[in-house]
């Protein structure tokens, strides 16, 4: 659509939200586990209600039992800066597992890296290579662990109903178009052909070893662990595991 522009020989894309529509891109392939990363520069100015999402989903294939792993970037309203929200859904379970973070930089000034690592051991959300959240697959919630092939999506859209302060500040189209820039997209993993569910081939120039199953991907290093502790102590301001108003009984993994 007119809201998407491909630049620099295809290495960079910009996509816009305006009064008529949002916009976005989807990966050609589906992946079963992988590492997904992109450098994103968020729109500056008053962006309340604007959502930029970098996420994996298979809702197109499994409308009633879909999996999803989300990084959602929620616009600012002058007083509150951009917010990073992470979320995990599996098997169509409607309970979101949201955690929200403030940034330690201004995400509108230049491109920053947003990454998702997803394998049979854990899901890790990273910002500029700093892990902000780990969702281990340790059996407590195997039914809530995404395990079906997913596509990667990057979108910008109007989240007025909920995004900024629970919908208090909707999108103000006086400031449109809201343009986000995307570059340096990396997708490495097991490519799945939906017509042959058991076929799987590794993409890119990787060795025959599954690129996200090596020892480095099983658990976080000590350095990554301490970076994550810092990020969560300093920057996380909401976790579903601490939301007493929402849960009478907390999900199993919150213990």
C-alpha atoms as a PDB file:
ATOM      1  CA  UNK A   1       0.000   0.000   0.000  1.00  0.00           C
ATOM      2  CA  UNK A   2       0.940   3.675  -0.200  1.00  0.00           C
ATOM      3  CA  UNK A   3       1.871   3.631   3.505  1.00  0.00           C
ATOM      4  CA  UNK A   4       4.878   1.367   2.920  1.00  0.00           C
ATOM      5  CA  UNK A   5       8.080   2.526   1.226  1.00  0.00           C
ATOM      6  CA  UNK A   6      11.065   0.284   0.503  1.00  0.00           C
ATOM      7  CA  UNK A   7      14.394   2.163   0.455  1.00  0.00           C
ATOM      8  CA  UNK A   8      18.149   1.585   0.130  1.00  0.00           C
ATOM      9  CA  UNK A   9      17.892  -1.331  -2.346  1.00  0.00           C
ATOM     10  CA  UNK A  10      15.376  -3.082  -0.149  1.00  0.00           C
ATOM     11  CA  UNK A  11      17.361  -2.980   3.091  1.00  0.00           C
ATOM     12  CA  UNK A  12      15.144  -0.396   4.795  1.00  0.00           C
ATOM     13  CA  UNK A  13      11.387   0.020   4.948  1.00  0.00           C
ATOM     14  CA  UNK A  14       9.251   2.801   6.364  1.00  0.00           C
ATOM     15  CA  UNK A  15       5.635   2.304   7.199  1.00  0.00           C
ATOM     16  CA  UNK A  16       3.038   4.764   8.285  1.00  0.00           C
ATOM     17  CA  UNK A  17      -0.197   5.110  10.179  1.00  0.00           C
ATOM     18  CA  UNK A  18      -2.609   7.748   8.923  1.00  0.00           C
ATOM     19  CA  UNK A  19      -6.342   8.369   9.038  1.00  0.00           C
ATOM     20  CA  UNK A  20      -7.027   5.775   6.362  1.00  0.00           C
ATOM     21  CA  UNK A  21      -4.978   2.851   7.668  1.00  0.00           C
ATOM     22  CA  UNK A  22      -2.024   1.383   9.455  1.00  0.00           C
ATOM     23  CA  UNK A  23       0.523  -0.744   7.603  1.00  0.00           C
ATOM     24  CA  UNK A  24       2.948  -3.567   8.053  1.00  0.00           C
ATOM     25  CA  UNK A  25       5.007  -6.404   6.650  1.00  0.00           C
ATOM     26  CA  UNK A  26       4.871 -10.168   7.150  1.00  0.00           C
ATOM     27  CA  UNK A  27       7.597 -12.746   6.573  1.00  0.00           C
ATOM     28  CA  UNK A  28       7.290 -14.885   3.474  1.00  0.00           C
ATOM     29  CA  UNK A  29       8.184 -18.007   5.477  1.00  0.00           C
ATOM     30  CA  UNK A  30       6.907 -19.633   8.640  1.00  0.00           C
ATOM     31  CA  UNK A  31       9.417 -20.665  11.283  1.00  0.00           C
ATOM     32  CA  UNK A  32       9.415 -23.288  13.985  1.00  0.00           C
ATOM     33  CA  UNK A  33      11.755 -21.749  16.570  1.00  0.00           C
ATOM     34  CA  UNK A  34      14.291 -19.115  15.630  1.00  0.00           C
ATOM     35  CA  UNK A  35      15.965 -15.791  16.285  1.00  0.00           C
ATOM     36  CA  UNK A  36      14.149 -12.715  14.979  1.00  0.00           C
ATOM     37  CA  UNK A  37      15.566  -9.231  15.155  1.00  0.00           C
ATOM     38  CA  UNK A  38      15.122  -5.805  13.581  1.00  0.00           C
ATOM     39  CA  UNK A  39      16.398  -2.296  14.080  1.00  0.00           C
ATOM     40  CA  UNK A  40      13.429   0.033  14.493  1.00  0.00           C
ATOM     41  CA  UNK A  41      13.225   3.807  14.809  1.00  0.00           C
ATOM     42  CA  UNK A  42       9.949   4.964  16.332  1.00  0.00           C
ATOM     43  CA  UNK A  43       7.973   8.034  15.255  1.00  0.00           C
ATOM     44  CA  UNK A  44       8.762  11.194  17.237  1.00  0.00           C
ATOM     45  CA  UNK A  45       6.288  13.757  18.553  1.00  0.00           C
ATOM     46  CA  UNK A  46       2.942  13.183  20.221  1.00  0.00           C
ATOM     47  CA  UNK A  47       2.188   9.536  19.454  1.00  0.00           C
ATOM     48  CA  UNK A  48      -0.403   8.543  22.057  1.00  0.00           C
ATOM     49  CA  UNK A  49      -2.459   5.559  20.927  1.00  0.00           C
ATOM     50  CA  UNK A  50       0.111   4.548  18.292  1.00  0.00           C
ATOM     51  CA  UNK A  51       1.360   0.946  18.467  1.00  0.00           C
ATOM     52  CA  UNK A  52       4.422  -0.381  16.640  1.00  0.00           C
ATOM     53  CA  UNK A  53       4.478  -4.165  16.912  1.00  0.00           C
ATOM     54  CA  UNK A  54       7.270  -6.666  16.206  1.00  0.00           C
ATOM     55  CA  UNK A  55       5.781 -10.099  16.740  1.00  0.00           C
ATOM     56  CA  UNK A  56       5.430 -13.750  15.809  1.00  0.00           C
ATOM     57  CA  UNK A  57       1.985 -15.215  15.207  1.00  0.00           C
ATOM     58  CA  UNK A  58       0.154 -18.073  13.493  1.00  0.00           C
ATOM     59  CA  UNK A  59      -3.389 -16.677  13.804  1.00  0.00           C
ATOM     60  CA  UNK A  60      -3.742 -17.028  10.028  1.00  0.00           C
ATOM     61  CA  UNK A  61      -3.241 -20.805  10.271  1.00  0.00           C
ATOM     62  CA  UNK A  62      -4.804 -21.494  13.660  1.00  0.00           C
ATOM     63  CA  UNK A  63      -7.588 -18.948  14.210  1.00  0.00           C
ATOM     64  CA  UNK A  64      -8.892 -20.715  17.337  1.00  0.00           C
ATOM     65  CA  UNK A  65      -5.672 -22.034  18.866  1.00  0.00           C
ATOM     66  CA  UNK A  66      -3.031 -19.548  17.782  1.00  0.00           C
ATOM     67  CA  UNK A  67       0.334 -18.774  19.377  1.00  0.00           C
ATOM     68  CA  UNK A  68       1.874 -15.334  19.598  1.00  0.00           C
ATOM     69  CA  UNK A  69       5.082 -13.754  20.929  1.00  0.00           C
ATOM     70  CA  UNK A  70       4.870  -9.958  21.005  1.00  0.00           C
ATOM     71  CA  UNK A  71       7.009  -6.902  21.382  1.00  0.00           C
ATOM     72  CA  UNK A  72       4.625  -3.940  21.327  1.00  0.00           C
ATOM     73  CA  UNK A  73       5.903  -0.369  21.460  1.00  0.00           C
ATOM     74  CA  UNK A  74       3.263   1.967  22.849  1.00  0.00           C
ATOM     75  CA  UNK A  75       3.269   5.677  21.926  1.00  0.00           C
ATOM     76  CA  UNK A  76       3.903   8.619  24.213  1.00  0.00           C
ATOM     77  CA  UNK A  77       1.568  11.361  25.442  1.00  0.00           C
ATOM     78  CA  UNK A  78       4.139  14.100  26.307  1.00  0.00           C
ATOM     79  CA  UNK A  79       4.150  13.203  30.005  1.00  0.00           C
ATOM     80  CA  UNK A  80       4.751   9.489  29.564  1.00  0.00           C
ATOM     81  CA  UNK A  81       7.431   8.321  27.131  1.00  0.00           C
ATOM     82  CA  UNK A  82       7.219   5.347  24.788  1.00  0.00           C
ATOM     83  CA  UNK A  83       6.641   2.063  26.614  1.00  0.00           C
ATOM     84  CA  UNK A  84       7.843  -1.436  25.713  1.00  0.00           C
ATOM     85  CA  UNK A  85       5.286  -4.206  26.288  1.00  0.00           C
ATOM     86  CA  UNK A  86       6.069  -7.909  25.912  1.00  0.00           C
ATOM     87  CA  UNK A  87       3.467 -10.647  25.740  1.00  0.00           C
ATOM     88  CA  UNK A  88       3.092 -14.386  25.145  1.00  0.00           C
ATOM     89  CA  UNK A  89      -0.024 -16.325  24.094  1.00  0.00           C
ATOM     90  CA  UNK A  90      -0.335 -20.011  23.265  1.00  0.00           C
ATOM     91  CA  UNK A  91      -2.992 -22.348  21.945  1.00  0.00           C
ATOM     92  CA  UNK A  92      -5.593 -19.619  21.718  1.00  0.00           C
ATOM     93  CA  UNK A  93      -5.582 -19.059  25.491  1.00  0.00           C
ATOM     94  CA  UNK A  94      -6.839 -15.532  25.996  1.00  0.00           C
ATOM     95  CA  UNK A  95      -4.808 -14.782  29.135  1.00  0.00           C
ATOM     96  CA  UNK A  96      -2.138 -12.320  28.130  1.00  0.00           C
ATOM     97  CA  UNK A  97       1.148 -12.433  30.003  1.00  0.00           C
ATOM     98  CA  UNK A  98       2.055  -8.764  29.697  1.00  0.00           C
ATOM     99  CA  UNK A  99       5.084  -7.075  31.147  1.00  0.00           C
ATOM    100  CA  UNK A 100       5.754  -3.374  30.585  1.00  0.00           C
ATOM    101  CA  UNK A 101       9.039  -1.496  30.650  1.00  0.00           C
ATOM    102  CA  UNK A 102      10.290   2.050  30.293  1.00  0.00           C
ATOM    103  CA  UNK A 103      13.190   2.668  27.909  1.00  0.00           C
ATOM    104  CA  UNK A 104      16.681   3.697  29.001  1.00  0.00           C
ATOM    105  CA  UNK A 105      17.080   5.724  25.786  1.00  0.00           C
ATOM    106  CA  UNK A 106      14.904   7.785  23.460  1.00  0.00           C
ATOM    107  CA  UNK A 107      13.674   5.233  20.872  1.00  0.00           C
ATOM    108  CA  UNK A 108      12.735   7.949  18.341  1.00  0.00           C
ATOM    109  CA  UNK A 109      16.239   9.352  17.767  1.00  0.00           C
ATOM    110  CA  UNK A 110      17.834   6.400  16.019  1.00  0.00           C
ATOM    111  CA  UNK A 111      17.345   2.726  15.234  1.00  0.00           C
ATOM    112  CA  UNK A 112      17.525   0.286  18.143  1.00  0.00           C
ATOM    113  CA  UNK A 113      17.438  -3.505  18.030  1.00  0.00           C
ATOM    114  CA  UNK A 114      14.386  -5.450  19.172  1.00  0.00           C
ATOM    115  CA  UNK A 115      14.824  -9.222  19.227  1.00  0.00           C
ATOM    116  CA  UNK A 116      12.982 -12.423  20.089  1.00  0.00           C
ATOM    117  CA  UNK A 117      14.726 -15.744  20.675  1.00  0.00           C
ATOM    118  CA  UNK A 118      12.309 -18.685  20.671  1.00  0.00           C
ATOM    119  CA  UNK A 119      13.273 -22.331  21.043  1.00  0.00           C
ATOM    120  CA  UNK A 120      12.232 -25.400  22.993  1.00  0.00           C
ATOM    121  CA  UNK A 121      14.050 -24.122  26.105  1.00  0.00           C
ATOM    122  CA  UNK A 122      12.839 -20.573  26.472  1.00  0.00           C
ATOM    123  CA  UNK A 123      11.644 -17.336  24.905  1.00  0.00           C
ATOM    124  CA  UNK A 124      13.900 -14.323  25.455  1.00  0.00           C
ATOM    125  CA  UNK A 125      12.979 -10.716  24.655  1.00  0.00           C
ATOM    126  CA  UNK A 126      15.982  -8.446  24.017  1.00  0.00           C
ATOM    127  CA  UNK A 127      16.464  -4.724  23.400  1.00  0.00           C
ATOM    128  CA  UNK A 128      19.885  -3.757  22.028  1.00  0.00           C
ATOM    129  CA  UNK A 129      21.013  -7.248  23.043  1.00  0.00           C
ATOM    130  CA  UNK A 130      19.986  -6.740  26.668  1.00  0.00           C
ATOM    131  CA  UNK A 131      17.492  -9.408  27.736  1.00  0.00           C
ATOM    132  CA  UNK A 132      14.533  -7.776  29.479  1.00  0.00           C
ATOM    133  CA  UNK A 133      12.469 -10.932  29.935  1.00  0.00           C
ATOM    134  CA  UNK A 134      12.857 -14.689  29.845  1.00  0.00           C
ATOM    135  CA  UNK A 135       9.892 -17.061  29.575  1.00  0.00           C
ATOM    136  CA  UNK A 136      11.261 -20.553  30.273  1.00  0.00           C
ATOM    137  CA  UNK A 137       9.573 -23.684  28.955  1.00  0.00           C
ATOM    138  CA  UNK A 138       9.878 -25.534  32.226  1.00  0.00           C
ATOM    139  CA  UNK A 139       6.712 -27.590  32.265  1.00  0.00           C
ATOM    140  CA  UNK A 140       4.654 -25.391  34.579  1.00  0.00           C
ATOM    141  CA  UNK A 141       2.844 -23.999  31.596  1.00  0.00           C
ATOM    142  CA  UNK A 142       3.633 -26.300  28.711  1.00  0.00           C
ATOM    143  CA  UNK A 143       0.071 -25.715  27.457  1.00  0.00           C
ATOM    144  CA  UNK A 144       0.873 -22.005  27.427  1.00  0.00           C
ATOM    145  CA  UNK A 145       4.156 -22.369  25.540  1.00  0.00           C
ATOM    146  CA  UNK A 146       4.095 -21.373  21.851  1.00  0.00           C
ATOM    147  CA  UNK A 147       5.090 -24.419  19.827  1.00  0.00           C
ATOM    148  CA  UNK A 148       3.498 -24.192  16.362  1.00  0.00           C
ATOM    149  CA  UNK A 149       5.211 -22.540  13.354  1.00  0.00           C
ATOM    150  CA  UNK A 150       4.798 -18.760  13.181  1.00  0.00           C
ATOM    151  CA  UNK A 151       5.373 -15.879  10.781  1.00  0.00           C
ATOM    152  CA  UNK A 152       7.125 -12.652  11.732  1.00  0.00           C
ATOM    153  CA  UNK A 153       5.122  -9.418  11.468  1.00  0.00           C
ATOM    154  CA  UNK A 154       6.068  -5.756  11.853  1.00  0.00           C
ATOM    155  CA  UNK A 155       3.144  -3.338  11.944  1.00  0.00           C
ATOM    156  CA  UNK A 156       2.053   0.149  12.938  1.00  0.00           C
ATOM    157  CA  UNK A 157      -1.578   0.612  13.914  1.00  0.00           C
ATOM    158  CA  UNK A 158      -4.130   2.569  15.920  1.00  0.00           C
ATOM    159  CA  UNK A 159      -4.348   1.179  19.450  1.00  0.00           C
ATOM    160  CA  UNK A 160      -6.439   4.083  20.766  1.00  0.00           C
ATOM    161  CA  UNK A 161      -8.749   1.736  22.673  1.00  0.00           C
ATOM    162  CA  UNK A 162      -6.049   0.525  25.039  1.00  0.00           C
ATOM    163  CA  UNK A 163      -2.473   1.492  24.221  1.00  0.00           C
ATOM    164  CA  UNK A 164      -1.702   4.712  26.096  1.00  0.00           C
ATOM    165  CA  UNK A 165      -2.897   4.694  29.704  1.00  0.00           C
ATOM    166  CA  UNK A 166      -5.520   2.075  28.982  1.00  0.00           C
ATOM    167  CA  UNK A 167      -7.084   4.112  26.185  1.00  0.00           C
ATOM    168  CA  UNK A 168      -7.151   7.451  27.967  1.00  0.00           C
ATOM    169  CA  UNK A 169      -5.123   9.122  25.202  1.00  0.00           C
ATOM    170  CA  UNK A 170      -6.285   8.151  21.680  1.00  0.00           C
ATOM    171  CA  UNK A 171      -4.380   8.821  18.462  1.00  0.00           C
ATOM    172  CA  UNK A 172      -4.431  12.503  17.472  1.00  0.00           C
ATOM    173  CA  UNK A 173      -4.426  12.484  13.662  1.00  0.00           C
ATOM    174  CA  UNK A 174      -3.504  16.154  13.569  1.00  0.00           C
ATOM    175  CA  UNK A 175       0.066  14.843  13.963  1.00  0.00           C
ATOM    176  CA  UNK A 176      -0.242  12.127  11.259  1.00  0.00           C
ATOM    177  CA  UNK A 177       1.300  10.462   9.405  1.00  0.00           C
ATOM    178  CA  UNK A 178       3.178   8.522  12.082  1.00  0.00           C
ATOM    179  CA  UNK A 179       6.151   6.915  10.356  1.00  0.00           C
ATOM    180  CA  UNK A 180       8.393   4.181  11.705  1.00  0.00           C
ATOM    181  CA  UNK A 181      11.582   2.985  10.031  1.00  0.00           C
ATOM    182  CA  UNK A 182      12.802  -0.597   9.930  1.00  0.00           C
ATOM    183  CA  UNK A 183      16.182  -1.949   8.880  1.00  0.00           C
ATOM    184  CA  UNK A 184      18.582  -4.821   9.459  1.00  0.00           C
ATOM    185  CA  UNK A 185      15.904  -7.499   9.731  1.00  0.00           C
ATOM    186  CA  UNK A 186      17.266 -10.916  10.713  1.00  0.00           C
ATOM    187  CA  UNK A 187      15.263 -14.153  10.687  1.00  0.00           C
ATOM    188  CA  UNK A 188      17.183 -17.319  11.408  1.00  0.00           C
ATOM    189  CA  UNK A 189      15.451 -20.561  12.213  1.00  0.00           C
ATOM    190  CA  UNK A 190      13.742 -23.645  11.013  1.00  0.00           C
ATOM    191  CA  UNK A 191      11.646 -22.796   7.944  1.00  0.00           C
ATOM    192  CA  UNK A 192       8.488 -24.845   7.778  1.00  0.00           C
ATOM    193  CA  UNK A 193       6.484 -25.643   4.679  1.00  0.00           C
ATOM    194  CA  UNK A 194       2.858 -25.827   5.845  1.00  0.00           C
ATOM    195  CA  UNK A 195       2.046 -28.315   3.071  1.00  0.00           C
ATOM    196  CA  UNK A 196       4.579 -30.778   4.492  1.00  0.00           C
ATOM    197  CA  UNK A 197       4.322 -30.290   8.237  1.00  0.00           C
ATOM    198  CA  UNK A 198       7.368 -32.444   8.964  1.00  0.00           C
ATOM    199  CA  UNK A 199       9.693 -30.717   6.535  1.00  0.00           C
ATOM    200  CA  UNK A 200      12.045 -28.207   8.026  1.00  0.00           C
ATOM    201  CA  UNK A 201      15.104 -26.564   6.567  1.00  0.00           C
ATOM    202  CA  UNK A 202      17.412 -24.033   8.125  1.00  0.00           C
ATOM    203  CA  UNK A 203      17.561 -20.675   6.445  1.00  0.00           C
ATOM    204  CA  UNK A 204      20.441 -18.310   5.803  1.00  0.00           C
ATOM    205  CA  UNK A 205      24.046 -19.457   5.839  1.00  0.00           C
ATOM    206  CA  UNK A 206      23.912 -21.574   8.955  1.00  0.00           C
ATOM    207  CA  UNK A 207      25.509 -24.916   9.580  1.00  0.00           C
ATOM    208  CA  UNK A 208      23.477 -28.093   9.743  1.00  0.00           C
ATOM    209  CA  UNK A 209      23.076 -27.600  13.492  1.00  0.00           C
ATOM    210  CA  UNK A 210      19.773 -25.909  14.298  1.00  0.00           C
ATOM    211  CA  UNK A 211      20.841 -22.273  14.734  1.00  0.00           C
ATOM    212  CA  UNK A 212      18.851 -21.757  17.922  1.00  0.00           C
ATOM    213  CA  UNK A 213      19.469 -25.068  19.645  1.00  0.00           C
ATOM    214  CA  UNK A 214      23.170 -24.800  20.494  1.00  0.00           C
ATOM    215  CA  UNK A 215      24.400 -24.537  24.107  1.00  0.00           C
ATOM    216  CA  UNK A 216      24.498 -20.722  23.890  1.00  0.00           C
ATOM    217  CA  UNK A 217      20.752 -20.686  23.374  1.00  0.00           C
ATOM    218  CA  UNK A 218      19.735 -23.052  26.171  1.00  0.00           C
ATOM    219  CA  UNK A 219      20.241 -20.620  29.005  1.00  0.00           C
ATOM    220  CA  UNK A 220      21.331 -17.062  29.579  1.00  0.00           C
ATOM    221  CA  UNK A 221      24.960 -16.405  30.440  1.00  0.00           C
ATOM    222  CA  UNK A 222      25.816 -14.882  33.823  1.00  0.00           C
ATOM    223  CA  UNK A 223      26.396 -11.549  32.089  1.00  0.00           C
ATOM    224  CA  UNK A 224      22.993 -11.719  30.394  1.00  0.00           C
ATOM    225  CA  UNK A 225      21.348 -12.699  33.682  1.00  0.00           C
ATOM    226  CA  UNK A 226      22.760  -9.708  35.519  1.00  0.00           C
ATOM    227  CA  UNK A 227      21.775  -7.396  32.637  1.00  0.00           C
ATOM    228  CA  UNK A 228      18.245  -8.777  32.843  1.00  0.00           C
ATOM    229  CA  UNK A 229      18.095  -8.299  36.609  1.00  0.00           C
ATOM    230  CA  UNK A 230      19.140  -4.660  36.064  1.00  0.00           C
ATOM    231  CA  UNK A 231      16.537  -4.097  33.334  1.00  0.00           C
ATOM    232  CA  UNK A 232      13.738  -5.624  35.383  1.00  0.00           C
ATOM    233  CA  UNK A 233      14.617  -3.793  38.582  1.00  0.00           C
ATOM    234  CA  UNK A 234      15.133  -0.418  36.928  1.00  0.00           C
ATOM    235  CA  UNK A 235      12.691  -0.397  34.024  1.00  0.00           C
ATOM    236  CA  UNK A 236       9.824  -2.841  34.507  1.00  0.00           C
ATOM    237  CA  UNK A 237       6.744  -1.115  35.889  1.00  0.00           C
ATOM    238  CA  UNK A 238       4.089  -3.764  35.259  1.00  0.00           C
ATOM    239  CA  UNK A 239       4.074  -7.549  35.400  1.00  0.00           C
ATOM    240  CA  UNK A 240       1.006  -9.740  35.143  1.00  0.00           C
ATOM    241  CA  UNK A 241       2.550 -11.839  37.917  1.00  0.00           C
ATOM    242  CA  UNK A 242       2.083  -8.969  40.379  1.00  0.00           C
ATOM    243  CA  UNK A 243      -1.403  -7.903  39.262  1.00  0.00           C
ATOM    244  CA  UNK A 244      -3.555  -8.801  42.247  1.00  0.00           C
ATOM    245  CA  UNK A 245      -6.594  -6.938  40.890  1.00  0.00           C
ATOM    246  CA  UNK A 246      -6.575  -9.114  37.790  1.00  0.00           C
ATOM    247  CA  UNK A 247      -5.970 -12.581  39.220  1.00  0.00           C
ATOM    248  CA  UNK A 248      -7.673 -14.261  42.129  1.00  0.00           C
ATOM    249  CA  UNK A 249      -5.366 -17.192  41.461  1.00  0.00           C
ATOM    250  CA  UNK A 250      -2.079 -16.392  39.723  1.00  0.00           C
ATOM    251  CA  UNK A 251      -0.980 -18.394  36.654  1.00  0.00           C
ATOM    252  CA  UNK A 252       1.240 -21.354  37.631  1.00  0.00           C
ATOM    253  CA  UNK A 253       4.494 -19.828  36.367  1.00  0.00           C
ATOM    254  CA  UNK A 254       4.136 -16.792  38.650  1.00  0.00           C
ATOM    255  CA  UNK A 255       4.946 -18.730  41.821  1.00  0.00           C
END
